[in-house]
Each structure stands twice: as C-alpha cells, then as structure tokens.
C-alpha cells in the first residue's frame, strides 16, 4: 500500500470536489431527494480512483499509463502517470501522479477533466 502525498494544486482540486459534493448532498437531504447529483457521483469516482491507486497502481480499472505532457516534480527524467477516474464521459476526470518522493509514496499531481 502506498502513502499519498499531495501537491497543493491537487489537494485544492480534491477539496473543491469534496466540498461541492457535500454541499449538494446536504441540499438534497433537506429536500428529501434520493438521487445523487452529478457532482456527488464525480467525487465518489475520484475518491475510489485514489483508493485503488493507493492499493494497486496497476489495477486494470484505472487504465494507468504514462503521460508525457506533465513534468515530474521531483525528477525531470522520472515518469508521470495518468489514471482514469471516469471513462466514456465528455470531460472525463483523470488523476495525474508519480512515484515518490520516498519509497512506498505516491504523489498526486493533479485531478482534472481530460483535456
């Protein structure tokens, strides 16, 4: 199992998604609506992706692969990877990450919609 290390930008993105989802869930509870909002579902998918990454970065559902457009924050020669939080969705969310800075650590670089 890996320990997750967050860059400031990624932590901010995750917290924003979580905050929006919690706010909408509270509004939904007030109105007694059962169906979750799209934002709540998005946060749930991103959270699940992060938990799967932590346990096994090579999990087949993540479709993890190298991503060359983002530079590794620790070593310019080291690889950055992309994992799918969503698939077959317009603007599907991705989690960009790299190994490090220490053994058994994984740095979350960004959580964004697919460009």
Protein backbone atom coordinates (compact mmCIF):
# COMPACT_ATOMS: atom_id res chain seq x y z
CA UNK A 1 0.00 0.00 0.00
CA UNK A 2 1.24 3.48 -0.90
CA UNK A 3 1.07 6.65 1.14
CA UNK A 4 -0.48 9.52 -0.83
CA UNK A 5 1.45 12.79 -0.95
CA UNK A 6 -0.37 15.79 -2.41
CA UNK A 7 0.86 18.76 -4.39
CA UNK A 8 -1.01 21.92 -3.36
CA UNK A 9 -2.91 22.14 -6.65
CA UNK A 10 -4.13 18.54 -6.43
CA UNK A 11 -5.15 18.91 -2.78
CA UNK A 12 -7.11 22.04 -3.67
CA UNK A 13 -8.84 20.28 -6.57
CA UNK A 14 -9.79 17.31 -4.38
CA UNK A 15 -11.05 19.53 -1.56
CA UNK A 16 -13.13 21.54 -4.05
CA UNK A 17 -14.74 18.39 -5.43
CA UNK A 18 -15.41 17.12 -1.91
CA UNK A 19 -16.85 20.43 -0.73
CA UNK A 20 -19.20 20.68 -3.71
CA UNK A 21 -20.38 17.10 -3.24
CA UNK A 22 -21.02 17.55 0.49
CA UNK A 23 -22.90 20.80 -0.09
CA UNK A 24 -25.12 19.24 -2.73
CA UNK A 25 -25.72 16.17 -0.56
CA UNK A 26 -26.89 18.41 2.28
CA UNK A 27 -29.23 20.31 -0.05
CA UNK A 28 -30.56 17.02 -1.38
CA UNK A 29 -31.18 15.74 2.16
CA UNK A 30 -33.09 18.94 3.03
CA UNK A 31 -35.33 18.48 0.00
CA UNK A 32 -35.58 14.73 0.64
CA UNK A 33 -34.36 13.90 -2.86
CA UNK A 34 -32.87 10.42 -3.14
CA UNK A 35 -30.99 10.64 -6.43
CA UNK A 36 -27.38 11.83 -6.11
CA UNK A 37 -26.19 14.78 -8.15
CA UNK A 38 -23.61 14.50 -10.91
CA UNK A 39 -21.09 16.31 -8.68
CA UNK A 40 -21.61 13.79 -5.86
CA UNK A 41 -21.03 10.94 -8.31
CA UNK A 42 -17.89 12.61 -9.65
CA UNK A 43 -16.40 12.95 -6.17
CA UNK A 44 -17.22 9.32 -5.40
CA UNK A 45 -15.46 8.21 -8.62
CA UNK A 46 -12.37 10.34 -7.93
CA UNK A 47 -12.18 9.09 -4.33
CA UNK A 48 -12.48 5.47 -5.48
CA UNK A 49 -9.72 6.04 -8.04
CA UNK A 50 -7.40 7.37 -5.34
CA UNK A 51 -8.11 4.40 -3.06
CA UNK A 52 -7.43 1.95 -5.90
CA UNK A 53 -4.21 3.80 -6.78
CA UNK A 54 -3.10 3.60 -3.17
CA UNK A 55 -3.65 -0.15 -3.08
CA UNK A 56 -2.54 -1.11 -6.59
CA UNK A 57 -1.48 1.47 -9.21
CA UNK A 58 -1.66 -1.25 -11.88
CA UNK A 59 -5.32 -2.08 -11.20
CA UNK A 60 -6.88 -2.74 -14.64
CA UNK A 61 -9.88 -0.47 -13.99
CA UNK A 62 -7.59 2.54 -13.66
CA UNK A 63 -6.14 2.12 -17.17
CA UNK A 64 -2.94 3.67 -15.83
CA UNK A 65 -0.41 4.77 -18.44
CA UNK A 66 2.49 7.16 -18.82
CA UNK A 67 1.64 10.80 -19.52
CA UNK A 68 4.36 12.94 -21.07
CA UNK A 69 2.81 16.45 -21.03
CA UNK A 70 3.33 16.97 -17.29
CA UNK A 71 6.78 17.16 -15.71
CA UNK A 72 7.63 15.08 -12.65
CA UNK A 73 8.01 17.49 -9.68
CA UNK A 74 10.93 15.55 -8.16
CA UNK A 75 12.99 14.31 -11.10
CA UNK A 76 12.66 15.64 -14.63
CA UNK A 77 13.71 12.24 -16.01
CA UNK A 78 11.14 10.25 -14.00
CA UNK A 79 7.71 9.32 -15.35
CA UNK A 80 4.31 10.84 -14.64
CA UNK A 81 1.22 8.65 -14.96
CA UNK A 82 -2.44 9.17 -15.74
CA UNK A 83 -5.25 7.11 -14.17
CA UNK A 84 -8.88 7.21 -15.26
CA UNK A 85 -11.48 8.32 -12.71
CA UNK A 86 -14.10 8.32 -15.47
CA UNK A 87 -14.29 6.83 -18.92
CA UNK A 88 -16.50 7.41 -21.96
CA UNK A 89 -17.74 10.69 -20.50
CA UNK A 90 -17.29 14.14 -22.06
CA UNK A 91 -14.62 15.90 -20.00
CA UNK A 92 -13.86 12.67 -18.11
CA UNK A 93 -11.76 13.22 -15.00
CA UNK A 94 -8.18 11.99 -14.72
CA UNK A 95 -5.74 11.71 -11.84
CA UNK A 96 -2.11 12.54 -12.64
CA UNK A 97 0.51 11.11 -10.31
CA UNK A 98 4.09 9.94 -9.91
CA UNK A 99 6.06 7.72 -7.58
CA UNK A 100 7.91 9.41 -4.74
CA UNK A 101 9.37 11.36 -3.12
CA UNK A 102 10.20 8.33 -0.95
CA UNK A 103 9.68 4.58 -1.27
CA UNK A 104 6.07 3.46 -0.90
CA UNK A 105 4.88 7.01 -1.58
CA UNK A 106 2.86 8.29 -4.49
CA UNK A 107 2.40 11.99 -5.28
CA UNK A 108 -0.92 13.21 -6.62
CA UNK A 109 -0.05 15.98 -9.08
CA UNK A 110 -3.48 16.98 -10.42
CA UNK A 111 -7.12 15.92 -10.65
CA UNK A 112 -8.63 17.41 -13.78
CA UNK A 113 -11.04 16.83 -16.64
CA UNK A 114 -9.39 15.25 -19.66
CA UNK A 115 -8.02 17.98 -21.92
